[in-house]
Amino acid sequence: TDRLDEGERVLWGSAPAGLRLGRSELLTAAMGAGVLAIGFAYCHRIGSIVISFERSGLPVRSATWLLLCLATLISATVILSTGAVLLWKGLWGARAAGSRTEYILTDSRVLIRRADTELSVDRTRIVDVAEQPNGSELSDLYLILDGPRANALDVSGALGLFTPPRSQVPPVLYEVRDRELFRKILFADRKDRLRDAA
């Protein structure tokens, strides 16, 4: 209510239900797990190579041995930390962003809030809602906009294989359960205007 204009009424409100994970987030998590597996394999392989150098006569604690160990340690740290960040961002980061998301439909606009970021879309610019199933009872709702540079529906949007990343705030309502009620309220005044014009 702190973001509503004076006299603006809330007609519908919701938040993402379900797992709050899309294909993009799962792909990011899978890439992170793959990088972690590569990192652990690298650590095991390079560790055995360093030990074999010691057996071959390279003196332990020599400058060459220390530089080799330092380079190995830096490489392993970069690989493992990259994998861990990708895994965290794909799983826990996306779920945290979903937990901080809310959808508000008022008498004048659709407001999508995610933490400190928000998107406000005037209801008159929404010409349709594209629905993509996301689970048994849930759907992702893509707001199709009309106006200058309106591109809510393109190859990277509702028609694409992957949904837009949740770290941004695109004109998409993720994992909505009562989609029919949202659509009915969103287009109710438009039907009234068309009936009055006829």
C-alpha atoms as a PDB file:
ATOM      1  CA  THR A   1       0.000   0.000   0.000  1.00  0.00           C
ATOM      2  CA  ASP A   2       2.969   2.356   0.421  1.00  0.00           C
ATOM      3  CA  ARG A   3       3.415   2.445  -3.387  1.00  0.00           C
ATOM      4  CA  LEU A   4      -0.217   3.149  -4.279  1.00  0.00           C
ATOM      5  CA  ASP A   5      -1.355   6.510  -5.589  1.00  0.00           C
ATOM      6  CA  GLU A   6      -4.033   8.449  -3.780  1.00  0.00           C
ATOM      7  CA  GLY A   7      -7.426   6.874  -4.430  1.00  0.00           C
ATOM      8  CA  GLU A   8      -5.925   3.788  -6.110  1.00  0.00           C
ATOM      9  CA  ARG A   9      -7.662   0.533  -5.124  1.00  0.00           C
ATOM     10  CA  VAL A  10      -6.153  -2.952  -4.971  1.00  0.00           C
ATOM     11  CA  LEU A  11      -8.346  -5.459  -6.830  1.00  0.00           C
ATOM     12  CA  TRP A  12      -6.133  -8.556  -6.719  1.00  0.00           C
ATOM     13  CA  GLY A  13      -2.855  -9.595  -5.164  1.00  0.00           C
ATOM     14  CA  SER A  14      -0.669 -12.663  -5.238  1.00  0.00           C
ATOM     15  CA  ALA A  15       2.886 -13.997  -5.049  1.00  0.00           C
ATOM     16  CA  PRO A  16       4.688 -16.849  -6.815  1.00  0.00           C
ATOM     17  CA  ALA A  17       3.563 -20.254  -5.606  1.00  0.00           C
ATOM     18  CA  GLY A  18       5.366 -23.554  -6.082  1.00  0.00           C
ATOM     19  CA  LEU A  19       9.131 -24.043  -6.177  1.00  0.00           C
ATOM     20  CA  ARG A  20       9.919 -20.543  -7.532  1.00  0.00           C
ATOM     21  CA  LEU A  21      12.427 -22.094  -9.952  1.00  0.00           C
ATOM     22  CA  GLY A  22      12.269 -21.839 -13.730  1.00  0.00           C
ATOM     23  CA  ARG A  23      14.245 -23.483 -16.500  1.00  0.00           C
ATOM     24  CA  SER A  24      16.815 -20.666 -16.541  1.00  0.00           C
ATOM     25  CA  GLU A  25      17.505 -21.085 -12.827  1.00  0.00           C
ATOM     26  CA  LEU A  26      17.729 -24.876 -13.081  1.00  0.00           C
ATOM     27  CA  LEU A  27      20.131 -24.563 -16.028  1.00  0.00           C
ATOM     28  CA  THR A  28      22.292 -22.158 -14.018  1.00  0.00           C
ATOM     29  CA  ALA A  29      22.300 -24.584 -11.070  1.00  0.00           C
ATOM     30  CA  ALA A  30      23.212 -27.501 -13.372  1.00  0.00           C
ATOM     31  CA  MET A  31      26.083 -25.477 -14.828  1.00  0.00           C
ATOM     32  CA  GLY A  32      27.267 -24.709 -11.304  1.00  0.00           C
ATOM     33  CA  ALA A  33      27.159 -28.390 -10.337  1.00  0.00           C
ATOM     34  CA  GLY A  34      29.111 -29.244 -13.510  1.00  0.00           C
ATOM     35  CA  VAL A  35      31.770 -26.618 -12.754  1.00  0.00           C
ATOM     36  CA  LEU A  36      32.052 -27.937  -9.190  1.00  0.00           C
ATOM     37  CA  ALA A  37      32.526 -31.491 -10.494  1.00  0.00           C
ATOM     38  CA  ILE A  38      35.237 -30.260 -12.855  1.00  0.00           C
ATOM     39  CA  GLY A  39      36.864 -28.370  -9.978  1.00  0.00           C
ATOM     40  CA  PHE A  40      36.955 -31.425  -7.714  1.00  0.00           C
ATOM     41  CA  ALA A  41      38.344 -33.576 -10.547  1.00  0.00           C
ATOM     42  CA  TYR A  42      40.974 -30.890 -11.206  1.00  0.00           C
ATOM     43  CA  CYS A  43      41.968 -30.793  -7.524  1.00  0.00           C
ATOM     44  CA  HIS A  44      42.321 -34.588  -7.404  1.00  0.00           C
ATOM     45  CA  ARG A  45      44.310 -34.785 -10.637  1.00  0.00           C
ATOM     46  CA  ILE A  46      46.615 -31.847  -9.980  1.00  0.00           C
ATOM     47  CA  GLY A  47      47.201 -33.019  -6.402  1.00  0.00           C
ATOM     48  CA  SER A  48      48.453 -36.379  -7.643  1.00  0.00           C
ATOM     49  CA  ILE A  49      50.696 -34.599 -10.183  1.00  0.00           C
ATOM     50  CA  VAL A  50      52.240 -32.376  -7.470  1.00  0.00           C
ATOM     51  CA  ILE A  51      52.891 -35.452  -5.320  1.00  0.00           C
ATOM     52  CA  SER A  52      54.532 -37.204  -8.279  1.00  0.00           C
ATOM     53  CA  PHE A  53      56.844 -34.183  -8.758  1.00  0.00           C
ATOM     54  CA  GLU A  54      57.927 -34.564  -5.157  1.00  0.00           C
ATOM     55  CA  ARG A  55      58.707 -38.226  -5.740  1.00  0.00           C
ATOM     56  CA  SER A  56      60.659 -37.289  -8.901  1.00  0.00           C
ATOM     57  CA  GLY A  57      63.103 -35.220  -6.886  1.00  0.00           C
ATOM     58  CA  LEU A  58      61.586 -31.717  -6.807  1.00  0.00           C
ATOM     59  CA  PRO A  59      62.504 -30.497  -3.329  1.00  0.00           C
ATOM     60  CA  VAL A  60      59.562 -29.652  -1.086  1.00  0.00           C
ATOM     61  CA  ARG A  61      59.477 -25.986  -0.008  1.00  0.00           C
ATOM     62  CA  SER A  62      61.687 -24.924  -2.876  1.00  0.00           C
ATOM     63  CA  ALA A  63      60.694 -21.790  -4.778  1.00  0.00           C
ATOM     64  CA  THR A  64      59.553 -23.830  -7.775  1.00  0.00           C
ATOM     65  CA  TRP A  65      57.440 -26.144  -5.611  1.00  0.00           C
ATOM     66  CA  LEU A  66      55.856 -23.215  -3.763  1.00  0.00           C
ATOM     67  CA  LEU A  67      54.999 -21.369  -7.012  1.00  0.00           C
ATOM     68  CA  LEU A  68      53.493 -24.542  -8.479  1.00  0.00           C
ATOM     69  CA  CYS A  69      51.380 -25.114  -5.363  1.00  0.00           C
ATOM     70  CA  LEU A  70      50.300 -21.463  -5.301  1.00  0.00           C
ATOM     71  CA  ALA A  71      49.237 -21.535  -8.978  1.00  0.00           C
ATOM     72  CA  THR A  72      47.348 -24.796  -8.369  1.00  0.00           C
ATOM     73  CA  LEU A  73      45.621 -23.381  -5.294  1.00  0.00           C
ATOM     74  CA  ILE A  74      44.554 -20.191  -7.116  1.00  0.00           C
ATOM     75  CA  SER A  75      43.181 -22.172 -10.086  1.00  0.00           C
ATOM     76  CA  ALA A  76      41.260 -24.578  -7.844  1.00  0.00           C
ATOM     77  CA  THR A  77      39.825 -21.694  -5.793  1.00  0.00           C
ATOM     78  CA  VAL A  78      38.603 -19.857  -8.908  1.00  0.00           C
ATOM     79  CA  ILE A  79      36.975 -22.991 -10.389  1.00  0.00           C
ATOM     80  CA  LEU A  80      35.304 -24.106  -7.145  1.00  0.00           C
ATOM     81  CA  SER A  81      34.080 -20.629  -6.188  1.00  0.00           C
ATOM     82  CA  THR A  82      32.619 -20.078  -9.683  1.00  0.00           C
ATOM     83  CA  GLY A  83      30.737 -23.371  -9.463  1.00  0.00           C
ATOM     84  CA  ALA A  84      29.496 -22.596  -5.949  1.00  0.00           C
ATOM     85  CA  VAL A  85      28.254 -19.124  -6.963  1.00  0.00           C
ATOM     86  CA  LEU A  86      26.403 -20.510 -10.005  1.00  0.00           C
ATOM     87  CA  LEU A  87      24.810 -23.270  -7.919  1.00  0.00           C
ATOM     88  CA  TRP A  88      23.776 -20.820  -5.189  1.00  0.00           C
ATOM     89  CA  LYS A  89      22.426 -18.258  -7.683  1.00  0.00           C
ATOM     90  CA  GLY A  90      20.450 -20.910  -9.574  1.00  0.00           C
ATOM     91  CA  LEU A  91      18.819 -22.519  -6.541  1.00  0.00           C
ATOM     92  CA  TRP A  92      18.776 -20.431  -3.386  1.00  0.00           C
ATOM     93  CA  GLY A  93      19.119 -17.032  -5.046  1.00  0.00           C
ATOM     94  CA  ALA A  94      16.124 -17.638  -7.326  1.00  0.00           C
ATOM     95  CA  ARG A  95      13.997 -18.968  -4.460  1.00  0.00           C
ATOM     96  CA  ALA A  96      14.925 -15.961  -2.310  1.00  0.00           C
ATOM     97  CA  ALA A  97      13.970 -13.602  -5.150  1.00  0.00           C
ATOM     98  CA  GLY A  98      10.670 -15.462  -5.569  1.00  0.00           C
ATOM     99  CA  SER A  99       9.965 -15.153  -1.842  1.00  0.00           C
ATOM    100  CA  ARG A 100      10.399 -11.378  -2.044  1.00  0.00           C
ATOM    101  CA  THR A 101       8.084 -11.007  -5.067  1.00  0.00           C
ATOM    102  CA  GLU A 102       4.511  -9.770  -5.035  1.00  0.00           C
ATOM    103  CA  TYR A 103       1.975  -9.053  -7.762  1.00  0.00           C
ATOM    104  CA  ILE A 104      -0.623  -6.337  -7.300  1.00  0.00           C
ATOM    105  CA  LEU A 105      -3.463  -5.508  -9.696  1.00  0.00           C
ATOM    106  CA  THR A 106      -5.116  -2.176  -9.008  1.00  0.00           C
ATOM    107  CA  ASP A 107      -7.840  -0.263 -10.797  1.00  0.00           C
ATOM    108  CA  SER A 108      -5.189   1.523 -12.921  1.00  0.00           C
ATOM    109  CA  ARG A 109      -2.060  -0.651 -13.198  1.00  0.00           C
ATOM    110  CA  VAL A 110      -0.257  -3.919 -12.614  1.00  0.00           C
ATOM    111  CA  LEU A 111       2.574  -3.647 -10.097  1.00  0.00           C
ATOM    112  CA  ILE A 112       5.299  -6.313  -9.882  1.00  0.00           C
ATOM    113  CA  ARG A 113       7.620  -5.865  -6.894  1.00  0.00           C
ATOM    114  CA  ARG A 114      10.753  -7.863  -6.191  1.00  0.00           C
ATOM    115  CA  ALA A 115      12.744  -6.651  -3.185  1.00  0.00           C
ATOM    116  CA  ASP A 116      13.850  -3.067  -4.035  1.00  0.00           C
ATOM    117  CA  THR A 117      12.924  -3.310  -7.731  1.00  0.00           C
ATOM    118  CA  GLU A 118       9.470  -2.822  -9.164  1.00  0.00           C
ATOM    119  CA  LEU A 119       7.712  -2.644 -12.495  1.00  0.00           C
ATOM    120  CA  SER A 120       4.530  -0.628 -12.937  1.00  0.00           C
ATOM    121  CA  VAL A 121       2.480  -1.275 -16.093  1.00  0.00           C
ATOM    122  CA  ASP A 122      -0.540   0.837 -17.006  1.00  0.00           C
ATOM    123  CA  ARG A 123      -3.543  -1.465 -17.544  1.00  0.00           C
ATOM    124  CA  THR A 124      -4.480   0.297 -20.771  1.00  0.00           C
ATOM    125  CA  ARG A 125      -1.174  -0.838 -22.341  1.00  0.00           C
ATOM    126  CA  ILE A 126      -1.879  -4.537 -21.673  1.00  0.00           C
ATOM    127  CA  VAL A 127      -3.601  -5.997 -24.744  1.00  0.00           C
ATOM    128  CA  ASP A 128      -3.506  -9.671 -23.756  1.00  0.00           C
ATOM    129  CA  VAL A 129      -1.994 -12.214 -21.399  1.00  0.00           C
ATOM    130  CA  ALA A 130      -0.014 -15.182 -22.761  1.00  0.00           C
ATOM    131  CA  GLU A 131      -0.155 -18.194 -20.484  1.00  0.00           C
ATOM    132  CA  GLN A 132       2.562 -20.828 -20.190  1.00  0.00           C
ATOM    133  CA  PRO A 133       1.880 -23.815 -17.894  1.00  0.00           C
ATOM    134  CA  ASN A 134       4.316 -24.195 -15.008  1.00  0.00           C
ATOM    135  CA  GLY A 135       3.334 -27.255 -13.022  1.00  0.00           C
ATOM    136  CA  SER A 136      -0.046 -28.891 -12.593  1.00  0.00           C
ATOM    137  CA  GLU A 137      -2.035 -25.887 -11.298  1.00  0.00           C
ATOM    138  CA  LEU A 138       0.366 -23.005 -11.916  1.00  0.00           C
ATOM    139  CA  SER A 139       1.076 -20.819 -14.938  1.00  0.00           C
ATOM    140  CA  ASP A 140       3.481 -18.076 -15.916  1.00  0.00           C
ATOM    141  CA  LEU A 141       1.523 -15.086 -17.219  1.00  0.00           C
ATOM    142  CA  TYR A 142       3.250 -12.886 -19.800  1.00  0.00           C
ATOM    143  CA  LEU A 143       1.753  -9.423 -20.133  1.00  0.00           C
ATOM    144  CA  ILE A 144       1.559  -8.544 -23.832  1.00  0.00           C
ATOM    145  CA  LEU A 145       2.022  -4.804 -24.107  1.00  0.00           C
ATOM    146  CA  ASP A 146       1.090  -2.315 -26.781  1.00  0.00           C
ATOM    147  CA  GLY A 147       2.918   0.906 -27.390  1.00  0.00           C
ATOM    148  CA  PRO A 148       6.367   2.221 -28.374  1.00  0.00           C
ATOM    149  CA  ARG A 149       9.112  -0.417 -28.010  1.00  0.00           C
ATOM    150  CA  ALA A 150       6.664  -2.930 -26.521  1.00  0.00           C
ATOM    151  CA  ASN A 151       8.307  -6.344 -26.815  1.00  0.00           C
ATOM    152  CA  ALA A 152       6.955  -8.495 -24.012  1.00  0.00           C
ATOM    153  CA  LEU A 153       6.333 -11.315 -26.489  1.00  0.00           C
ATOM    154  CA  ASP A 154       9.386 -12.246 -28.582  1.00  0.00           C
ATOM    155  CA  VAL A 155      11.895 -15.068 -28.996  1.00  0.00           C
ATOM    156  CA  SER A 156      13.329 -14.401 -25.544  1.00  0.00           C
ATOM    157  CA  GLY A 157       9.931 -14.116 -23.879  1.00  0.00           C
ATOM    158  CA  ALA A 158       6.837 -16.297 -23.842  1.00  0.00           C
ATOM    159  CA  LEU A 159       7.720 -18.053 -27.086  1.00  0.00           C
ATOM    160  CA  GLY A 160      11.254 -18.952 -26.009  1.00  0.00           C
ATOM    161  CA  LEU A 161      12.438 -22.204 -24.470  1.00  0.00           C
ATOM    162  CA  PHE A 162      13.646 -20.463 -21.313  1.00  0.00           C
ATOM    163  CA  THR A 163      11.727 -17.924 -19.274  1.00  0.00           C
ATOM    164  CA  PRO A 164      13.449 -14.593 -18.578  1.00  0.00           C
ATOM    165  CA  PRO A 165      15.690 -14.718 -15.486  1.00  0.00           C
ATOM    166  CA  ARG A 166      13.939 -13.801 -12.264  1.00  0.00           C
ATOM    167  CA  SER A 167      16.772 -11.533 -11.174  1.00  0.00           C
ATOM    168  CA  GLN A 168      15.268  -8.957 -13.537  1.00  0.00           C
ATOM    169  CA  VAL A 169      11.682  -7.768 -13.273  1.00  0.00           C
ATOM    170  CA  PRO A 170      10.142  -8.453 -16.698  1.00  0.00           C
ATOM    171  CA  PRO A 171       6.384  -8.074 -17.331  1.00  0.00           C
ATOM    172  CA  VAL A 172       5.814 -11.679 -16.247  1.00  0.00           C
ATOM    173  CA  LEU A 173       3.847 -13.067 -13.316  1.00  0.00           C
ATOM    174  CA  TYR A 174       5.548 -16.345 -12.397  1.00  0.00           C
ATOM    175  CA  GLU A 175       3.753 -19.368 -10.936  1.00  0.00           C
ATOM    176  CA  VAL A 176       0.292 -17.863 -10.539  1.00  0.00           C
ATOM    177  CA  ARG A 177      -2.465 -20.139  -9.253  1.00  0.00           C
ATOM    178  CA  ASP A 178      -5.649 -18.075  -9.814  1.00  0.00           C
ATOM    179  CA  ARG A 179      -4.860 -16.970 -13.376  1.00  0.00           C
ATOM    180  CA  GLU A 180      -8.494 -16.934 -14.532  1.00  0.00           C
ATOM    181  CA  LEU A 181      -9.450 -14.513 -11.762  1.00  0.00           C
ATOM    182  CA  PHE A 182      -6.493 -12.266 -12.674  1.00  0.00           C
ATOM    183  CA  ARG A 183      -7.494 -12.256 -16.344  1.00  0.00           C
ATOM    184  CA  LYS A 184     -11.169 -11.623 -15.494  1.00  0.00           C
ATOM    185  CA  ILE A 185     -10.399  -8.641 -13.255  1.00  0.00           C
ATOM    186  CA  LEU A 186      -7.743  -7.267 -15.632  1.00  0.00           C
ATOM    187  CA  PHE A 187     -10.079  -7.116 -18.635  1.00  0.00           C
ATOM    188  CA  ALA A 188     -13.381  -6.467 -16.798  1.00  0.00           C
ATOM    189  CA  ASP A 189     -13.440  -2.695 -17.329  1.00  0.00           C
ATOM    190  CA  ARG A 190     -12.455  -3.173 -20.987  1.00  0.00           C
ATOM    191  CA  LYS A 191     -15.517  -5.331 -21.583  1.00  0.00           C
ATOM    192  CA  ASP A 192     -17.652  -2.700 -19.870  1.00  0.00           C
ATOM    193  CA  ARG A 193     -16.236   0.017 -22.161  1.00  0.00           C
ATOM    194  CA  LEU A 194     -16.866  -2.081 -25.259  1.00  0.00           C
ATOM    195  CA  ARG A 195     -20.446  -2.783 -24.148  1.00  0.00           C
ATOM    196  CA  ASP A 196     -21.054   0.916 -23.479  1.00  0.00           C
ATOM    197  CA  ALA A 197     -19.599   1.848 -26.883  1.00  0.00           C
ATOM    198  CA  ALA A 198     -21.895  -0.676 -28.650  1.00  0.00           C
END
